[in-house]
């Protein structure tokens, strides 16, 4: 049971949830007037980093076989 809490699959799910939360937050910040450009840039940068981390973990869990 303990190993399931720290499994790579669970971490991937957590990262996807965090990415979705950031996506919603970016939308909310972008709709505000005036727009906080610095916060928006930071959120987008974090969202991009999460997307890259998700892609790396997906590749590690399911590596593509060479053609």
PDB file of N, CA and C in Angstrom:
ATOM      1  N   UNK A   1       0.826  -1.196   0.000  1.00  0.00           N
ATOM      2  CA  UNK A   1       0.000   0.000   0.000  1.00  0.00           C
ATOM      3  C   UNK A   1       0.870   1.259   0.000  1.00  0.00           C
ATOM      4  N   UNK A   2       1.930   1.252   0.790  1.00  0.00           N
ATOM      5  CA  UNK A   2       2.824   2.404   0.864  1.00  0.00           C
ATOM      6  C   UNK A   2       3.486   2.699  -0.481  1.00  0.00           C
ATOM      7  N   UNK A   3       3.846   1.635  -1.219  1.00  0.00           N
ATOM      8  CA  UNK A   3       4.509   1.851  -2.505  1.00  0.00           C
ATOM      9  C   UNK A   3       3.572   2.500  -3.511  1.00  0.00           C
ATOM     10  N   UNK A   4       2.270   2.260  -3.398  1.00  0.00           N
ATOM     11  CA  UNK A   4       1.300   2.851  -4.299  1.00  0.00           C
ATOM     12  C   UNK A   4       1.224   4.370  -4.133  1.00  0.00           C
ATOM     13  N   UNK A   5       1.464   4.849  -2.915  1.00  0.00           N
ATOM     14  CA  UNK A   5       1.417   6.293  -2.654  1.00  0.00           C
ATOM     15  C   UNK A   5       2.540   7.044  -3.356  1.00  0.00           C
ATOM     16  N   UNK A   6       3.629   6.346  -3.642  1.00  0.00           N
ATOM     17  CA  UNK A   6       4.792   6.996  -4.249  1.00  0.00           C
ATOM     18  C   UNK A   6       5.103   6.415  -5.621  1.00  0.00           C
ATOM     19  N   UNK A   7       4.128   5.799  -6.253  1.00  0.00           N
ATOM     20  CA  UNK A   7       4.356   5.181  -7.554  1.00  0.00           C
ATOM     21  C   UNK A   7       4.505   6.252  -8.630  1.00  0.00           C
ATOM     22  N   UNK A   8       5.256   5.941  -9.684  1.00  0.00           N
ATOM     23  CA  UNK A   8       5.406   6.900 -10.794  1.00  0.00           C
ATOM     24  C   UNK A   8       4.070   7.251 -11.446  1.00  0.00           C
ATOM     25  N   UNK A   9       3.171   6.282 -11.502  1.00  0.00           N
ATOM     26  CA  UNK A   9       1.862   6.546 -12.101  1.00  0.00           C
ATOM     27  C   UNK A   9       1.067   7.561 -11.276  1.00  0.00           C
ATOM     28  N   UNK A  10       1.133   7.419  -9.953  1.00  0.00           N
ATOM     29  CA  UNK A  10       0.418   8.357  -9.074  1.00  0.00           C
ATOM     30  C   UNK A  10       1.007   9.759  -9.202  1.00  0.00           C
ATOM     31  N   UNK A  11       2.327   9.866  -9.252  1.00  0.00           N
ATOM     32  CA  UNK A  11       2.976  11.172  -9.398  1.00  0.00           C
ATOM     33  C   UNK A  11       2.576  11.824 -10.716  1.00  0.00           C
ATOM     34  N   UNK A  12       2.459  11.020 -11.761  1.00  0.00           N
ATOM     35  CA  UNK A  12       2.049  11.538 -13.056  1.00  0.00           C
ATOM     36  C   UNK A  12       0.632  12.107 -12.983  1.00  0.00           C
ATOM     37  N   UNK A  13      -0.242  11.431 -12.295  1.00  0.00           N
ATOM     38  CA  UNK A  13      -1.618  11.914 -12.108  1.00  0.00           C
ATOM     39  C   UNK A  13      -1.609  13.234 -11.332  1.00  0.00           C
ATOM     40  N   UNK A  14      -0.795  13.297 -10.286  1.00  0.00           N
ATOM     41  CA  UNK A  14      -0.701  14.527  -9.491  1.00  0.00           C
ATOM     42  C   UNK A  14      -0.198  15.692 -10.339  1.00  0.00           C
ATOM     43  N   UNK A  15       0.788  15.427 -11.193  1.00  0.00           N
ATOM     44  CA  UNK A  15       1.306  16.480 -12.069  1.00  0.00           C
ATOM     45  C   UNK A  15       0.248  16.945 -13.066  1.00  0.00           C
ATOM     46  N   UNK A  16      -0.528  16.017 -13.584  1.00  0.00           N
ATOM     47  CA  UNK A  16      -1.593  16.392 -14.522  1.00  0.00           C
ATOM     48  C   UNK A  16      -2.653  17.252 -13.838  1.00  0.00           C
ATOM     49  N   UNK A  17      -2.979  16.920 -12.614  1.00  0.00           N
ATOM     50  CA  UNK A  17      -3.948  17.712 -11.849  1.00  0.00           C
ATOM     51  C   UNK A  17      -3.395  19.110 -11.599  1.00  0.00           C
ATOM     52  N   UNK A  18      -2.133  19.180 -11.196  1.00  0.00           N
ATOM     53  CA  UNK A  18      -1.509  20.490 -10.963  1.00  0.00           C
ATOM     54  C   UNK A  18      -1.486  21.312 -12.247  1.00  0.00           C
ATOM     55  N   UNK A  19      -1.207  20.666 -13.383  1.00  0.00           N
ATOM     56  CA  UNK A  19      -1.184  21.356 -14.667  1.00  0.00           C
ATOM     57  C   UNK A  19      -2.572  21.913 -14.997  1.00  0.00           C
ATOM     58  N   UNK A  20      -3.603  21.115 -14.760  1.00  0.00           N
ATOM     59  CA  UNK A  20      -4.975  21.568 -15.021  1.00  0.00           C
ATOM     60  C   UNK A  20      -5.346  22.745 -14.111  1.00  0.00           C
ATOM     61  N   UNK A  21      -4.931  22.673 -12.859  1.00  0.00           N
ATOM     62  CA  UNK A  21      -5.187  23.779 -11.927  1.00  0.00           C
ATOM     63  C   UNK A  21      -4.499  25.060 -12.394  1.00  0.00           C
ATOM     64  N   UNK A  22      -3.255  24.926 -12.835  1.00  0.00           N
ATOM     65  CA  UNK A  22      -2.521  26.094 -13.332  1.00  0.00           C
ATOM     66  C   UNK A  22      -3.180  26.652 -14.586  1.00  0.00           C
ATOM     67  N   UNK A  23      -3.668  25.769 -15.436  1.00  0.00           N
ATOM     68  CA  UNK A  23      -4.344  26.195 -16.653  1.00  0.00           C
ATOM     69  C   UNK A  23      -5.555  27.061 -16.307  1.00  0.00           C
ATOM     70  N   UNK A  24      -6.334  26.620 -15.339  1.00  0.00           N
ATOM     71  CA  UNK A  24      -7.506  27.390 -14.901  1.00  0.00           C
ATOM     72  C   UNK A  24      -7.076  28.716 -14.272  1.00  0.00           C
ATOM     73  N   UNK A  25      -5.999  28.687 -13.511  1.00  0.00           N
ATOM     74  CA  UNK A  25      -5.522  29.907 -12.857  1.00  0.00           C
ATOM     75  C   UNK A  25      -5.030  30.917 -13.891  1.00  0.00           C
ATOM     76  N   UNK A  26      -4.344  30.441 -14.928  1.00  0.00           N
ATOM     77  CA  UNK A  26      -3.884  31.327 -16.001  1.00  0.00           C
ATOM     78  C   UNK A  26      -5.082  32.005 -16.652  1.00  0.00           C
ATOM     79  N   UNK A  27      -6.134  31.239 -16.904  1.00  0.00           N
ATOM     80  CA  UNK A  27      -7.338  31.818 -17.503  1.00  0.00           C
ATOM     81  C   UNK A  27      -7.948  32.896 -16.611  1.00  0.00           C
ATOM     82  N   UNK A  28      -8.018  32.627 -15.303  1.00  0.00           N
ATOM     83  CA  UNK A  28      -8.592  33.614 -14.375  1.00  0.00           C
ATOM     84  C   UNK A  28      -7.754  34.883 -14.313  1.00  0.00           C
ATOM     85  N   UNK A  29      -6.435  34.731 -14.244  1.00  0.00           N
ATOM     86  CA  UNK A  29      -5.556  35.901 -14.160  1.00  0.00           C
ATOM     87  C   UNK A  29      -5.631  36.710 -15.455  1.00  0.00           C
ATOM     88  N   UNK A  30      -5.720  36.038 -16.584  1.00  0.00           N
ATOM     89  CA  UNK A  30      -5.780  36.731 -17.875  1.00  0.00           C
ATOM     90  C   UNK A  30      -7.071  37.533 -18.030  1.00  0.00           C
ATOM     91  N   UNK A  31      -8.138  37.108 -17.343  1.00  0.00           N
ATOM     92  CA  UNK A  31      -9.421  37.815 -17.436  1.00  0.00           C
ATOM     93  C   UNK A  31      -9.505  39.035 -16.523  1.00  0.00           C
ATOM     94  N   UNK A  32      -8.592  39.129 -15.551  1.00  0.00           N
ATOM     95  CA  UNK A  32      -8.634  40.247 -14.609  1.00  0.00           C
ATOM     96  C   UNK A  32      -8.268  41.544 -15.308  1.00  0.00           C
ATOM     97  N   UNK A  33      -8.777  42.620 -14.752  1.00  0.00           N
ATOM     98  CA  UNK A  33      -8.419  43.923 -15.276  1.00  0.00           C
ATOM     99  C   UNK A  33      -7.971  44.780 -14.118  1.00  0.00           C
ATOM    100  N   UNK A  34      -6.800  45.318 -14.107  1.00  0.00           N
ATOM    101  CA  UNK A  34      -5.740  45.130 -15.103  1.00  0.00           C
ATOM    102  C   UNK A  34      -5.051  43.770 -14.933  1.00  0.00           C
ATOM    103  N   UNK A  35      -4.481  43.296 -16.020  1.00  0.00           N
ATOM    104  CA  UNK A  35      -3.809  42.001 -16.021  1.00  0.00           C
ATOM    105  C   UNK A  35      -2.464  42.124 -15.318  1.00  0.00           C
ATOM    106  N   UNK A  36      -2.196  41.216 -14.401  1.00  0.00           N
ATOM    107  CA  UNK A  36      -0.908  41.162 -13.713  1.00  0.00           C
ATOM    108  C   UNK A  36       0.044  40.364 -14.597  1.00  0.00           C
ATOM    109  N   UNK A  37       0.775  41.064 -15.444  1.00  0.00           N
ATOM    110  CA  UNK A  37       1.637  40.422 -16.442  1.00  0.00           C
ATOM    111  C   UNK A  37       2.718  39.550 -15.804  1.00  0.00           C
ATOM    112  N   UNK A  38       3.296  40.009 -14.706  1.00  0.00           N
ATOM    113  CA  UNK A  38       4.350  39.242 -14.065  1.00  0.00           C
ATOM    114  C   UNK A  38       3.811  37.916 -13.532  1.00  0.00           C
ATOM    115  N   UNK A  39       2.665  37.952 -12.865  1.00  0.00           N
ATOM    116  CA  UNK A  39       2.072  36.719 -12.358  1.00  0.00           C
ATOM    117  C   UNK A  39       1.693  35.788 -13.503  1.00  0.00           C
ATOM    118  N   UNK A  40       1.134  36.362 -14.551  1.00  0.00           N
ATOM    119  CA  UNK A  40       0.734  35.569 -15.703  1.00  0.00           C
ATOM    120  C   UNK A  40       1.941  34.870 -16.327  1.00  0.00           C
ATOM    121  N   UNK A  41       3.047  35.582 -16.463  1.00  0.00           N
ATOM    122  CA  UNK A  41       4.284  34.991 -17.009  1.00  0.00           C
ATOM    123  C   UNK A  41       4.793  33.862 -16.129  1.00  0.00           C
ATOM    124  N   UNK A  42       4.781  34.081 -14.822  1.00  0.00           N
ATOM    125  CA  UNK A  42       5.256  33.046 -13.887  1.00  0.00           C
ATOM    126  C   UNK A  42       4.380  31.800 -13.934  1.00  0.00           C
ATOM    127  N   UNK A  43       3.067  31.998 -13.983  1.00  0.00           N
ATOM    128  CA  UNK A  43       2.154  30.857 -14.058  1.00  0.00           C
ATOM    129  C   UNK A  43       2.357  30.074 -15.354  1.00  0.00           C
ATOM    130  N   UNK A  44       2.515  30.787 -16.449  1.00  0.00           N
ATOM    131  CA  UNK A  44       2.723  30.118 -17.735  1.00  0.00           C
ATOM    132  C   UNK A  44       4.056  29.367 -17.763  1.00  0.00           C
ATOM    133  N   UNK A  45       5.065  29.950 -17.148  1.00  0.00           N
ATOM    134  CA  UNK A  45       6.366  29.293 -17.096  1.00  0.00           C
ATOM    135  C   UNK A  45       6.288  28.009 -16.269  1.00  0.00           C
ATOM    136  N   UNK A  46       5.590  28.070 -15.140  1.00  0.00           N
ATOM    137  CA  UNK A  46       5.415  26.878 -14.299  1.00  0.00           C
ATOM    138  C   UNK A  46       4.592  25.823 -15.028  1.00  0.00           C
ATOM    139  N   UNK A  47       3.553  26.261 -15.730  1.00  0.00           N
ATOM    140  CA  UNK A  47       2.706  25.334 -16.486  1.00  0.00           C
ATOM    141  C   UNK A  47       3.517  24.625 -17.570  1.00  0.00           C
ATOM    142  N   UNK A  48       4.386  25.360 -18.251  1.00  0.00           N
ATOM    143  CA  UNK A  48       5.245  24.776 -19.279  1.00  0.00           C
ATOM    144  C   UNK A  48       6.227  23.771 -18.675  1.00  0.00           C
ATOM    145  N   UNK A  49       6.794  24.113 -17.520  1.00  0.00           N
ATOM    146  CA  UNK A  49       7.711  23.198 -16.848  1.00  0.00           C
ATOM    147  C   UNK A  49       6.993  21.908 -16.442  1.00  0.00           C
ATOM    148  N   UNK A  50       5.760  22.039 -15.980  1.00  0.00           N
ATOM    149  CA  UNK A  50       4.972  20.860 -15.624  1.00  0.00           C
ATOM    150  C   UNK A  50       4.683  20.007 -16.853  1.00  0.00           C
ATOM    151  N   UNK A  51       4.352  20.650 -17.952  1.00  0.00           N
ATOM    152  CA  UNK A  51       4.086  19.901 -19.185  1.00  0.00           C
ATOM    153  C   UNK A  51       5.317  19.111 -19.616  1.00  0.00           C
ATOM    154  N   UNK A  52       6.487  19.726 -19.508  1.00  0.00           N
ATOM    155  CA  UNK A  52       7.730  19.034 -19.848  1.00  0.00           C
ATOM    156  C   UNK A  52       7.990  17.864 -18.906  1.00  0.00           C
ATOM    157  N   UNK A  53       7.749  18.068 -17.617  1.00  0.00           N
ATOM    158  CA  UNK A  53       7.938  16.998 -16.628  1.00  0.00           C
ATOM    159  C   UNK A  53       6.973  15.843 -16.892  1.00  0.00           C
ATOM    160  N   UNK A  54       5.736  16.172 -17.232  1.00  0.00           N
ATOM    161  CA  UNK A  54       4.745  15.140 -17.550  1.00  0.00           C
ATOM    162  C   UNK A  54       5.208  14.340 -18.764  1.00  0.00           C
ATOM    163  N   UNK A  55       5.681  15.018 -19.787  1.00  0.00           N
ATOM    164  CA  UNK A  55       6.141  14.332 -20.996  1.00  0.00           C
ATOM    165  C   UNK A  55       7.322  13.414 -20.692  1.00  0.00           C
ATOM    166  N   UNK A  56       8.258  13.879 -19.863  1.00  0.00           N
ATOM    167  CA  UNK A  56       9.415  13.044 -19.494  1.00  0.00           C
ATOM    168  C   UNK A  56       8.967  11.800 -18.739  1.00  0.00           C
ATOM    169  N   UNK A  57       8.059  11.982 -17.811  1.00  0.00           N
ATOM    170  CA  UNK A  57       7.587  10.840 -17.016  1.00  0.00           C
ATOM    171  C   UNK A  57       6.772   9.858 -17.859  1.00  0.00           C
ATOM    172  N   UNK A  58       5.971  10.382 -18.781  1.00  0.00           N
ATOM    173  CA  UNK A  58       5.222   9.495 -19.665  1.00  0.00           C
ATOM    174  C   UNK A  58       6.167   8.659 -20.521  1.00  0.00           C
ATOM    175  N   UNK A  59       7.207   9.285 -21.027  1.00  0.00           N
ATOM    176  CA  UNK A  59       8.188   8.569 -21.834  1.00  0.00           C
ATOM    177  C   UNK A  59       8.920   7.516 -21.013  1.00  0.00           C
ATOM    178  N   UNK A  60       9.223   7.825 -19.769  1.00  0.00           N
ATOM    179  CA  UNK A  60       9.911   6.873 -18.908  1.00  0.00           C
ATOM    180  C   UNK A  60       9.023   5.688 -18.582  1.00  0.00           C
ATOM    181  N   UNK A  61       7.727   5.917 -18.438  1.00  0.00           N
ATOM    182  CA  UNK A  61       6.801   4.832 -18.115  1.00  0.00           C
ATOM    183  C   UNK A  61       6.473   3.973 -19.331  1.00  0.00           C
ATOM    184  N   UNK A  62       6.439   4.599 -20.507  1.00  0.00           N
ATOM    185  CA  UNK A  62       6.063   3.886 -21.721  1.00  0.00           C
ATOM    186  C   UNK A  62       6.995   4.286 -22.864  1.00  0.00           C
ATOM    187  N   UNK A  63       8.245   3.833 -22.831  1.00  0.00           N
ATOM    188  CA  UNK A  63       9.188   4.234 -23.883  1.00  0.00           C
ATOM    189  C   UNK A  63       8.755   3.673 -25.237  1.00  0.00           C
ATOM    190  N   UNK A  64       8.900   4.477 -26.264  1.00  0.00           N
ATOM    191  CA  UNK A  64       8.544   4.051 -27.614  1.00  0.00           C
ATOM    192  C   UNK A  64       9.666   3.167 -28.167  1.00  0.00           C
ATOM    193  N   UNK A  65       9.274   2.115 -28.831  1.00  0.00           N
ATOM    194  CA  UNK A  65      10.265   1.233 -29.425  1.00  0.00           C
ATOM    195  C   UNK A  65      10.728   1.845 -30.744  1.00  0.00           C
ATOM    196  N   UNK A  66      12.023   1.700 -31.040  1.00  0.00           N
ATOM    197  CA  UNK A  66      12.523   2.240 -32.324  1.00  0.00           C
ATOM    198  C   UNK A  66      11.877   1.514 -33.502  1.00  0.00           C
ATOM    199  N   UNK A  67      11.683   2.243 -34.567  1.00  0.00           N
ATOM    200  CA  UNK A  67      11.036   1.673 -35.756  1.00  0.00           C
ATOM    201  C   UNK A  67      11.920   0.699 -36.480  1.00  0.00           C
TER     202      UNK A  67
END
